[in-house]
Amino acid sequence: MALVPFVAEAQSCAEQVELHKRILKPYQLNDMSKSAVCVSGNTYEFKIPLTKGRDYRLQFYAAAVFNNKIDFTIIDESTHETVLNLPGETFDRKVGTCVLASWYDEDADKEYTPYFDFYPPTSTTLKVIMEIPDAPQDAAVNGVVPPKKFNRGCVTIVLYDKAADGTW
């Protein structure tokens, strides 16, 4: 399934890129940053072309309704290698263990948001796959099964780039 916004919520999701972008000198916001409405129980794919001579930083954000329960896989399409395969949140919330859950470093007195850096040696395309599990369902009462629940919310990919070190 493609990462395509639903019409009713497209405007609020479009605002998510602006909400989450940060000033990350020397990085700049890349136009490939996107946000779209996603629904529980679905898998979404998004392709990001990377250019040789540029360094990239990716950050992901998801609506609270998903409770950080999204699994992320990133595949380099030129080599077919999996370059990232992590859950949205882990128990310990350490660097490199999760994609969505921020953590607070008491020693540095600072909150950290996970990010992932890519330094492509050649131009390539990354395929981002996001698997959103089914929403928790209500139990049947007196043999009556309630209607299936769906969670719906924005998932945002913020992409930054800069000239690679040693390039002009």
N, C-alpha and C. Protein backbone atom coordinates (compact mmCIF):
# COMPACT_ATOMS: atom_id res chain seq x y z
N MET A 1 0.85 -1.17 0.00
CA MET A 1 0.00 0.00 0.00
C MET A 1 0.90 1.24 0.00
N ALA A 2 0.58 2.21 -0.79
CA ALA A 2 1.39 3.42 -0.90
C ALA A 2 1.09 4.37 0.26
N LEU A 3 2.04 5.22 0.57
CA LEU A 3 1.87 6.22 1.61
C LEU A 3 1.13 7.40 0.98
N VAL A 4 -0.20 7.37 1.07
CA VAL A 4 -1.03 8.38 0.43
C VAL A 4 -1.98 8.95 1.47
N PRO A 5 -2.06 10.28 1.59
CA PRO A 5 -2.96 10.85 2.59
C PRO A 5 -4.43 10.68 2.22
N PHE A 6 -5.26 10.46 3.22
CA PHE A 6 -6.70 10.49 3.02
C PHE A 6 -7.12 11.95 2.96
N VAL A 7 -8.11 12.25 2.16
CA VAL A 7 -8.50 13.64 1.92
C VAL A 7 -8.93 14.35 3.19
N ALA A 8 -9.73 13.72 4.03
CA ALA A 8 -10.28 14.39 5.20
C ALA A 8 -9.21 14.84 6.18
N GLU A 9 -8.10 14.13 6.26
CA GLU A 9 -7.07 14.48 7.23
C GLU A 9 -5.78 14.96 6.58
N ALA A 10 -5.78 15.16 5.28
CA ALA A 10 -4.56 15.52 4.57
C ALA A 10 -3.97 16.83 5.06
N GLN A 11 -4.82 17.82 5.33
CA GLN A 11 -4.29 19.11 5.73
C GLN A 11 -3.60 19.03 7.09
N SER A 12 -4.20 18.36 8.07
CA SER A 12 -3.57 18.28 9.38
C SER A 12 -2.27 17.50 9.31
N CYS A 13 -2.20 16.46 8.47
CA CYS A 13 -0.95 15.72 8.32
C CYS A 13 0.10 16.56 7.61
N ALA A 14 -0.30 17.35 6.64
CA ALA A 14 0.65 18.21 5.93
C ALA A 14 1.34 19.17 6.90
N GLU A 15 0.66 19.57 7.92
CA GLU A 15 1.23 20.48 8.92
C GLU A 15 2.26 19.79 9.81
N GLN A 16 2.25 18.45 9.86
CA GLN A 16 3.15 17.72 10.74
C GLN A 16 4.62 17.89 10.39
N VAL A 17 4.95 18.01 9.11
CA VAL A 17 6.34 18.22 8.72
C VAL A 17 6.83 19.53 9.32
N GLU A 18 6.02 20.58 9.21
CA GLU A 18 6.40 21.88 9.79
C GLU A 18 6.54 21.79 11.30
N LEU A 19 5.63 21.06 11.93
CA LEU A 19 5.64 20.92 13.39
C LEU A 19 6.91 20.24 13.89
N HIS A 20 7.37 19.22 13.16
CA HIS A 20 8.49 18.42 13.64
C HIS A 20 9.86 18.84 13.11
N LYS A 21 9.91 19.72 12.11
CA LYS A 21 11.22 20.05 11.58
C LYS A 21 12.02 20.83 12.62
N ARG A 22 13.30 20.61 12.60
CA ARG A 22 14.24 21.24 13.54
C ARG A 22 15.33 21.93 12.73
N ILE A 23 16.01 22.85 13.36
CA ILE A 23 17.20 23.43 12.75
C ILE A 23 18.36 22.53 13.14
N LEU A 24 18.94 21.87 12.17
CA LEU A 24 20.02 20.91 12.42
C LEU A 24 21.23 21.32 11.59
N LYS A 25 21.80 22.43 11.87
CA LYS A 25 22.97 22.89 11.11
C LYS A 25 24.03 21.81 11.13
N PRO A 26 24.65 21.48 10.05
CA PRO A 26 24.57 22.08 8.72
C PRO A 26 23.51 21.45 7.83
N TYR A 27 22.64 20.58 8.38
CA TYR A 27 21.60 19.95 7.59
C TYR A 27 20.50 20.96 7.24
N GLN A 28 19.81 20.68 6.12
CA GLN A 28 18.65 21.47 5.74
C GLN A 28 17.49 20.52 5.46
N LEU A 29 16.26 21.01 5.62
CA LEU A 29 15.09 20.20 5.37
C LEU A 29 15.02 19.83 3.89
N ASN A 30 14.79 18.56 3.61
CA ASN A 30 14.69 18.07 2.23
C ASN A 30 13.21 18.03 1.83
N ASP A 31 12.93 18.35 0.58
CA ASP A 31 11.56 18.38 0.07
C ASP A 31 10.88 17.01 0.07
N MET A 32 11.63 15.94 0.24
CA MET A 32 11.04 14.60 0.28
C MET A 32 10.40 14.29 1.64
N SER A 33 10.49 15.21 2.60
CA SER A 33 9.81 15.01 3.88
C SER A 33 8.32 14.94 3.63
N LYS A 34 7.67 13.96 4.26
CA LYS A 34 6.24 13.73 4.01
C LYS A 34 5.53 13.31 5.29
N SER A 35 4.22 13.55 5.27
CA SER A 35 3.35 13.07 6.34
C SER A 35 2.04 12.62 5.70
N ALA A 36 1.51 11.51 6.18
CA ALA A 36 0.27 10.99 5.62
C ALA A 36 -0.54 10.28 6.68
N VAL A 37 -1.82 10.20 6.45
CA VAL A 37 -2.71 9.46 7.34
C VAL A 37 -2.48 7.97 7.10
N CYS A 38 -2.26 7.25 8.19
CA CYS A 38 -2.09 5.80 8.12
C CYS A 38 -3.15 5.16 9.02
N VAL A 39 -3.47 3.91 8.73
CA VAL A 39 -4.52 3.19 9.45
C VAL A 39 -3.95 1.90 10.00
N SER A 40 -4.33 1.58 11.23
CA SER A 40 -3.86 0.35 11.86
C SER A 40 -4.21 -0.86 11.01
N GLY A 41 -3.34 -1.88 11.10
CA GLY A 41 -3.54 -3.11 10.35
C GLY A 41 -3.04 -3.05 8.92
N ASN A 42 -2.31 -2.00 8.57
CA ASN A 42 -1.82 -1.83 7.20
C ASN A 42 -0.31 -1.69 7.18
N THR A 43 0.25 -1.92 6.00
CA THR A 43 1.67 -1.73 5.75
C THR A 43 1.81 -0.65 4.68
N TYR A 44 2.72 0.27 4.90
CA TYR A 44 2.94 1.38 3.98
C TYR A 44 4.38 1.37 3.50
N GLU A 45 4.59 1.81 2.27
CA GLU A 45 5.93 1.92 1.71
C GLU A 45 6.13 3.32 1.16
N PHE A 46 7.35 3.80 1.30
CA PHE A 46 7.71 5.13 0.83
C PHE A 46 9.13 5.05 0.30
N LYS A 47 9.36 5.60 -0.87
CA LYS A 47 10.70 5.55 -1.46
C LYS A 47 11.38 6.91 -1.35
N ILE A 48 12.66 6.86 -0.98
CA ILE A 48 13.45 8.07 -0.82
C ILE A 48 14.70 7.95 -1.68
N PRO A 49 14.81 8.76 -2.74
CA PRO A 49 16.03 8.74 -3.55
C PRO A 49 17.15 9.48 -2.81
N LEU A 50 18.33 8.85 -2.77
CA LEU A 50 19.51 9.46 -2.16
C LEU A 50 20.54 9.70 -3.26
N THR A 51 21.22 10.84 -3.18
CA THR A 51 22.19 11.22 -4.20
C THR A 51 23.60 11.14 -3.64
N LYS A 52 24.49 10.56 -4.43
CA LYS A 52 25.90 10.52 -4.06
C LYS A 52 26.38 11.96 -3.84
N GLY A 53 27.21 12.16 -2.83
CA GLY A 53 27.72 13.49 -2.52
C GLY A 53 26.87 14.26 -1.53
N ARG A 54 25.81 13.61 -1.01
CA ARG A 54 24.95 14.21 0.00
C ARG A 54 24.90 13.26 1.20
N ASP A 55 24.82 13.81 2.40
CA ASP A 55 24.58 13.04 3.62
C ASP A 55 23.14 13.30 4.04
N TYR A 56 22.50 12.28 4.61
CA TYR A 56 21.08 12.36 4.93
C TYR A 56 20.83 11.97 6.38
N ARG A 57 19.82 12.61 6.97
CA ARG A 57 19.37 12.28 8.32
C ARG A 57 17.85 12.12 8.26
N LEU A 58 17.36 11.00 8.78
CA LEU A 58 15.93 10.70 8.81
C LEU A 58 15.42 10.69 10.24
N GLN A 59 14.24 11.28 10.44
CA GLN A 59 13.54 11.19 11.72
C GLN A 59 12.10 10.81 11.43
N PHE A 60 11.52 10.03 12.33
CA PHE A 60 10.15 9.57 12.17
C PHE A 60 9.31 10.02 13.36
N TYR A 61 8.05 10.33 13.08
CA TYR A 61 7.09 10.70 14.11
C TYR A 61 5.77 10.01 13.79
N ALA A 62 5.01 9.66 14.82
CA ALA A 62 3.71 9.01 14.60
C ALA A 62 2.71 9.54 15.61
N ALA A 63 1.46 9.56 15.21
CA ALA A 63 0.38 9.98 16.09
C ALA A 63 0.35 9.10 17.34
N ALA A 64 -0.01 9.71 18.47
CA ALA A 64 -0.05 8.99 19.75
C ALA A 64 -0.98 7.80 19.71
N VAL A 65 -1.99 7.80 18.85
CA VAL A 65 -2.95 6.70 18.78
C VAL A 65 -2.26 5.37 18.46
N PHE A 66 -1.10 5.41 17.81
CA PHE A 66 -0.38 4.18 17.47
C PHE A 66 0.51 3.69 18.62
N ASN A 67 0.67 4.49 19.66
CA ASN A 67 1.41 4.09 20.86
C ASN A 67 2.81 3.57 20.54
N ASN A 68 3.45 4.16 19.52
CA ASN A 68 4.82 3.79 19.09
C ASN A 68 4.94 2.32 18.69
N LYS A 69 3.83 1.68 18.33
CA LYS A 69 3.84 0.25 17.99
C LYS A 69 3.98 0.00 16.49
N ILE A 70 4.76 0.80 15.82
CA ILE A 70 4.98 0.64 14.39
C ILE A 70 6.36 0.02 14.18
N ASP A 71 6.45 -0.95 13.29
CA ASP A 71 7.75 -1.54 12.96
C ASP A 71 8.26 -0.91 11.67
N PHE A 72 9.53 -0.55 11.66
CA PHE A 72 10.14 0.13 10.53
C PHE A 72 11.25 -0.73 9.92
N THR A 73 11.23 -0.85 8.61
CA THR A 73 12.30 -1.51 7.87
C THR A 73 12.71 -0.58 6.75
N ILE A 74 14.01 -0.42 6.57
CA ILE A 74 14.52 0.37 5.45
C ILE A 74 15.44 -0.53 4.65
N ILE A 75 15.16 -0.59 3.35
CA ILE A 75 15.93 -1.43 2.43
C ILE A 75 16.59 -0.56 1.38
N ASP A 76 17.88 -0.79 1.14
CA ASP A 76 18.59 -0.12 0.06
C ASP A 76 18.22 -0.87 -1.22
N GLU A 77 17.50 -0.21 -2.11
CA GLU A 77 17.01 -0.90 -3.31
C GLU A 77 18.11 -1.30 -4.28
N SER A 78 19.26 -0.62 -4.25
CA SER A 78 20.33 -0.98 -5.19
C SER A 78 21.06 -2.25 -4.75
N THR A 79 21.14 -2.51 -3.45
CA THR A 79 21.83 -3.69 -2.95
C THR A 79 20.87 -4.73 -2.37
N HIS A 80 19.62 -4.34 -2.15
CA HIS A 80 18.59 -5.16 -1.52
C HIS A 80 18.94 -5.51 -0.07
N GLU A 81 19.84 -4.74 0.52
CA GLU A 81 20.22 -4.95 1.91
C GLU A 81 19.27 -4.21 2.84
N THR A 82 18.95 -4.84 3.97
CA THR A 82 18.18 -4.18 5.00
C THR A 82 19.15 -3.32 5.81
N VAL A 83 18.93 -2.01 5.80
CA VAL A 83 19.83 -1.11 6.51
C VAL A 83 19.26 -0.69 7.86
N LEU A 84 17.98 -0.96 8.09
CA LEU A 84 17.36 -0.65 9.38
C LEU A 84 16.17 -1.57 9.55
N ASN A 85 16.03 -2.15 10.73
CA ASN A 85 14.87 -2.99 11.04
C ASN A 85 14.64 -2.86 12.53
N LEU A 86 13.81 -1.89 12.92
CA LEU A 86 13.63 -1.58 14.34
C LEU A 86 12.16 -1.31 14.66
N PRO A 87 11.78 -1.54 15.91
CA PRO A 87 10.43 -1.18 16.34
C PRO A 87 10.34 0.32 16.63
N GLY A 88 9.12 0.79 16.79
CA GLY A 88 8.92 2.19 17.13
C GLY A 88 9.41 2.51 18.53
N GLU A 89 9.31 1.55 19.45
CA GLU A 89 9.72 1.79 20.83
C GLU A 89 10.27 0.51 21.43
N THR A 90 11.27 0.67 22.30
CA THR A 90 11.79 -0.46 23.06
C THR A 90 11.72 -0.10 24.54
N PHE A 91 11.86 -1.11 25.38
CA PHE A 91 11.77 -0.88 26.82
C PHE A 91 12.81 0.11 27.32
N ASP A 92 14.06 -0.03 26.86
CA ASP A 92 15.12 0.81 27.40
C ASP A 92 15.32 2.13 26.64
N ARG A 93 14.74 2.27 25.46
CA ARG A 93 14.84 3.52 24.69
C ARG A 93 16.27 4.02 24.56
N LYS A 94 17.15 3.17 24.14
CA LYS A 94 18.56 3.54 23.95
C LYS A 94 18.82 3.91 22.50
N VAL A 95 19.92 4.62 22.28
CA VAL A 95 20.32 5.02 20.93
C VAL A 95 20.41 3.79 20.03
N GLY A 96 19.78 3.87 18.87
CA GLY A 96 19.85 2.80 17.89
C GLY A 96 18.95 1.62 18.14
N THR A 97 18.07 1.68 19.15
CA THR A 97 17.19 0.55 19.44
C THR A 97 15.75 0.77 19.02
N CYS A 98 15.37 2.01 18.75
CA CYS A 98 13.99 2.29 18.41
C CYS A 98 13.92 3.49 17.46
N VAL A 99 12.79 3.65 16.80
CA VAL A 99 12.63 4.66 15.77
C VAL A 99 11.83 5.86 16.25
N LEU A 100 10.85 5.65 17.11
CA LEU A 100 9.93 6.73 17.47
C LEU A 100 10.12 7.29 18.88
N ALA A 101 10.52 6.48 19.83
CA ALA A 101 10.49 6.89 21.23
C ALA A 101 11.70 7.75 21.61
N SER A 102 11.42 8.98 21.98
CA SER A 102 12.48 9.86 22.47
C SER A 102 12.87 9.43 23.88
N TRP A 103 14.03 9.87 24.35
CA TRP A 103 14.47 9.56 25.70
C TRP A 103 15.18 10.77 26.28
N TYR A 104 15.23 10.80 27.59
CA TYR A 104 15.85 11.91 28.31
C TYR A 104 17.16 11.44 28.91
N ASP A 105 18.24 12.16 28.59
CA ASP A 105 19.56 11.87 29.14
C ASP A 105 19.76 12.78 30.34
N GLU A 106 19.71 12.20 31.53
CA GLU A 106 19.83 13.00 32.76
C GLU A 106 21.21 13.63 32.88
N ASP A 107 22.26 12.93 32.44
CA ASP A 107 23.61 13.48 32.53
C ASP A 107 23.76 14.72 31.67
N ALA A 108 23.19 14.70 30.49
CA ALA A 108 23.28 15.86 29.57
C ALA A 108 22.13 16.83 29.79
N ASP A 109 21.13 16.44 30.60
CA ASP A 109 19.95 17.26 30.84
C ASP A 109 19.30 17.66 29.51
N LYS A 110 19.09 16.64 28.65
CA LYS A 110 18.59 16.90 27.31
C LYS A 110 17.75 15.73 26.83
N GLU A 111 16.69 16.06 26.07
CA GLU A 111 15.89 15.01 25.45
C GLU A 111 16.42 14.73 24.05
N TYR A 112 16.48 13.45 23.68
CA TYR A 112 16.96 13.04 22.38
C TYR A 112 15.84 12.40 21.58
N THR A 113 15.75 12.77 20.32
CA THR A 113 14.82 12.16 19.38
C THR A 113 15.64 11.27 18.46
N PRO A 114 15.22 10.02 18.28
CA PRO A 114 16.00 9.13 17.41
C PRO A 114 16.15 9.69 16.00
N TYR A 115 17.30 9.49 15.43
CA TYR A 115 17.54 9.84 14.03
C TYR A 115 18.49 8.81 13.44
N PHE A 116 18.49 8.76 12.11
CA PHE A 116 19.29 7.78 11.41
C PHE A 116 20.01 8.48 10.27
N ASP A 117 21.33 8.34 10.24
CA ASP A 117 22.15 8.99 9.23
C ASP A 117 22.52 8.00 8.14
N PHE A 118 22.51 8.49 6.90
CA PHE A 118 22.89 7.70 5.74
C PHE A 118 23.91 8.47 4.94
N TYR A 119 24.99 7.79 4.54
CA TYR A 119 26.07 8.38 3.75
C TYR A 119 26.23 7.53 2.49
N PRO A 120 25.38 7.71 1.49
CA PRO A 120 25.42 6.81 0.34
C PRO A 120 26.68 6.99 -0.50
N PRO A 121 27.42 5.89 -0.76
CA PRO A 121 28.62 5.98 -1.59
C PRO A 121 28.28 6.14 -3.08
N THR A 122 27.04 5.76 -3.43
CA THR A 122 26.54 5.94 -4.79
C THR A 122 25.08 6.40 -4.67
N SER A 123 24.55 6.96 -5.72
CA SER A 123 23.13 7.31 -5.70
C SER A 123 22.31 6.03 -5.59
N THR A 124 21.27 6.06 -4.79
CA THR A 124 20.45 4.88 -4.54
C THR A 124 19.06 5.32 -4.12
N THR A 125 18.21 4.36 -3.87
CA THR A 125 16.86 4.63 -3.35
C THR A 125 16.65 3.77 -2.12
N LEU A 126 16.15 4.40 -1.06
CA LEU A 126 15.77 3.66 0.13
C LEU A 126 14.27 3.40 0.08
N LYS A 127 13.88 2.18 0.43
CA LYS A 127 12.47 1.86 0.56
C LYS A 127 12.17 1.75 2.05
N VAL A 128 11.31 2.64 2.53
CA VAL A 128 10.89 2.64 3.93
C VAL A 128 9.58 1.87 4.02
N ILE A 129 9.56 0.83 4.85
CA ILE A 129 8.36 0.02 5.04
C ILE A 129 7.92 0.20 6.49
N MET A 130 6.66 0.59 6.66
CA MET A 130 6.11 0.80 8.00
C MET A 130 4.94 -0.15 8.19
N GLU A 131 5.05 -1.03 9.17
CA GLU A 131 3.99 -1.99 9.48
C GLU A 131 3.28 -1.54 10.75
N ILE A 132 1.99 -1.27 10.60
CA ILE A 132 1.20 -0.81 11.75
C ILE A 132 0.27 -1.95 12.16
N PRO A 133 0.42 -2.45 13.39
CA PRO A 133 -0.41 -3.59 13.81
C PRO A 133 -1.88 -3.20 13.94
N ASP A 134 -2.73 -4.22 14.03
CA ASP A 134 -4.15 -3.99 14.25
C ASP A 134 -4.36 -3.24 15.56
N ALA A 135 -5.42 -2.47 15.62
CA ALA A 135 -5.79 -1.77 16.85
C ALA A 135 -6.32 -2.79 17.86
N PRO A 136 -6.11 -2.55 19.15
CA PRO A 136 -6.68 -3.46 20.15
C PRO A 136 -8.21 -3.50 20.00
N GLN A 137 -8.77 -4.69 20.09
CA GLN A 137 -10.21 -4.85 19.88
C GLN A 137 -10.93 -5.08 21.21
N ASP A 138 -12.17 -4.61 21.28
CA ASP A 138 -12.99 -4.86 22.45
C ASP A 138 -13.42 -6.33 22.47
N ALA A 139 -13.57 -6.87 23.65
CA ALA A 139 -14.00 -8.26 23.80
C ALA A 139 -15.50 -8.38 23.53
N ALA A 140 -15.90 -9.55 23.10
CA ALA A 140 -17.32 -9.81 22.88
C ALA A 140 -18.06 -9.78 24.22
N VAL A 141 -19.26 -9.24 24.20
CA VAL A 141 -20.09 -9.17 25.40
C VAL A 141 -21.38 -9.93 25.11
N ASN A 142 -21.67 -10.94 25.95
CA ASN A 142 -22.86 -11.77 25.77
C ASN A 142 -22.93 -12.34 24.35
N GLY A 143 -21.78 -12.74 23.81
CA GLY A 143 -21.73 -13.35 22.50
C GLY A 143 -21.80 -12.37 21.34
N VAL A 144 -21.92 -11.08 21.64
CA VAL A 144 -22.00 -10.07 20.59
C VAL A 144 -20.60 -9.51 20.35
N VAL A 145 -20.12 -9.68 19.13
CA VAL A 145 -18.79 -9.19 18.77
C VAL A 145 -18.92 -7.73 18.33
N PRO A 146 -18.20 -6.82 18.99
CA PRO A 146 -18.28 -5.42 18.60
C PRO A 146 -17.63 -5.17 17.23
N PRO A 147 -17.97 -4.08 16.58
CA PRO A 147 -17.34 -3.79 15.28
C PRO A 147 -15.83 -3.64 15.44
N LYS A 148 -15.11 -3.99 14.38
CA LYS A 148 -13.65 -3.90 14.40
C LYS A 148 -13.24 -2.44 14.53
N LYS A 149 -12.25 -2.20 15.41
CA LYS A 149 -11.72 -0.84 15.60
C LYS A 149 -10.52 -0.62 14.70
N PHE A 150 -10.39 0.60 14.24
CA PHE A 150 -9.24 1.02 13.47
C PHE A 150 -8.68 2.29 14.09
N ASN A 151 -7.37 2.35 14.22
CA ASN A 151 -6.72 3.59 14.61
C ASN A 151 -6.27 4.30 13.35
N ARG A 152 -6.39 5.60 13.34
CA ARG A 152 -6.01 6.40 12.19
C ARG A 152 -5.25 7.62 12.71
N GLY A 153 -4.10 7.89 12.09
CA GLY A 153 -3.31 9.05 12.50
C GLY A 153 -2.17 9.31 11.54
N CYS A 154 -1.50 10.41 11.76
CA CYS A 154 -0.40 10.80 10.87
C CYS A 154 0.89 10.07 11.23
N VAL A 155 1.60 9.66 10.21
CA VAL A 155 2.98 9.19 10.35
C VAL A 155 3.81 10.13 9.49
N THR A 156 4.88 10.66 10.08
CA THR A 156 5.67 11.69 9.42
C THR A 156 7.11 11.24 9.27
N ILE A 157 7.65 11.45 8.08
CA ILE A 157 9.06 11.20 7.80
C ILE A 157 9.70 12.56 7.51
N VAL A 158 10.65 12.95 8.36
CA VAL A 158 11.36 14.21 8.15
C VAL A 158 12.76 13.87 7.68
N LEU A 159 13.11 14.38 6.50
CA LEU A 159 14.39 14.09 5.88
C LEU A 159 15.20 15.37 5.79
N TYR A 160 16.44 15.29 6.25
CA TYR A 160 17.39 16.40 6.14
C TYR A 160 18.54 15.95 5.25
N ASP A 161 19.21 16.92 4.62
CA ASP A 161 20.40 16.57 3.87
C ASP A 161 21.41 17.71 3.91
N LYS A 162 22.63 17.38 3.53
CA LYS A 162 23.71 18.37 3.46
C LYS A 162 24.75 17.83 2.49
N ALA A 163 25.61 18.73 2.03
CA ALA A 163 26.73 18.27 1.20
C ALA A 163 27.60 17.34 2.03
N ALA A 164 28.01 16.24 1.45
CA ALA A 164 28.87 15.29 2.16
C ALA A 164 30.19 15.96 2.49
N ASP A 165 30.77 15.58 3.60
CA ASP A 165 32.07 16.13 3.98
C ASP A 165 33.07 15.87 2.85
N GLY A 166 33.83 16.90 2.49
CA GLY A 166 34.82 16.77 1.45
C GLY A 166 34.29 17.01 0.05
N THR A 167 32.98 17.38 -0.07
CA THR A 167 32.42 17.70 -1.38
C THR A 167 32.07 19.18 -1.42
N TRP A 168 31.93 19.69 -2.60
CA TRP A 168 31.60 21.12 -2.77
C TRP A 168 30.18 21.27 -3.17
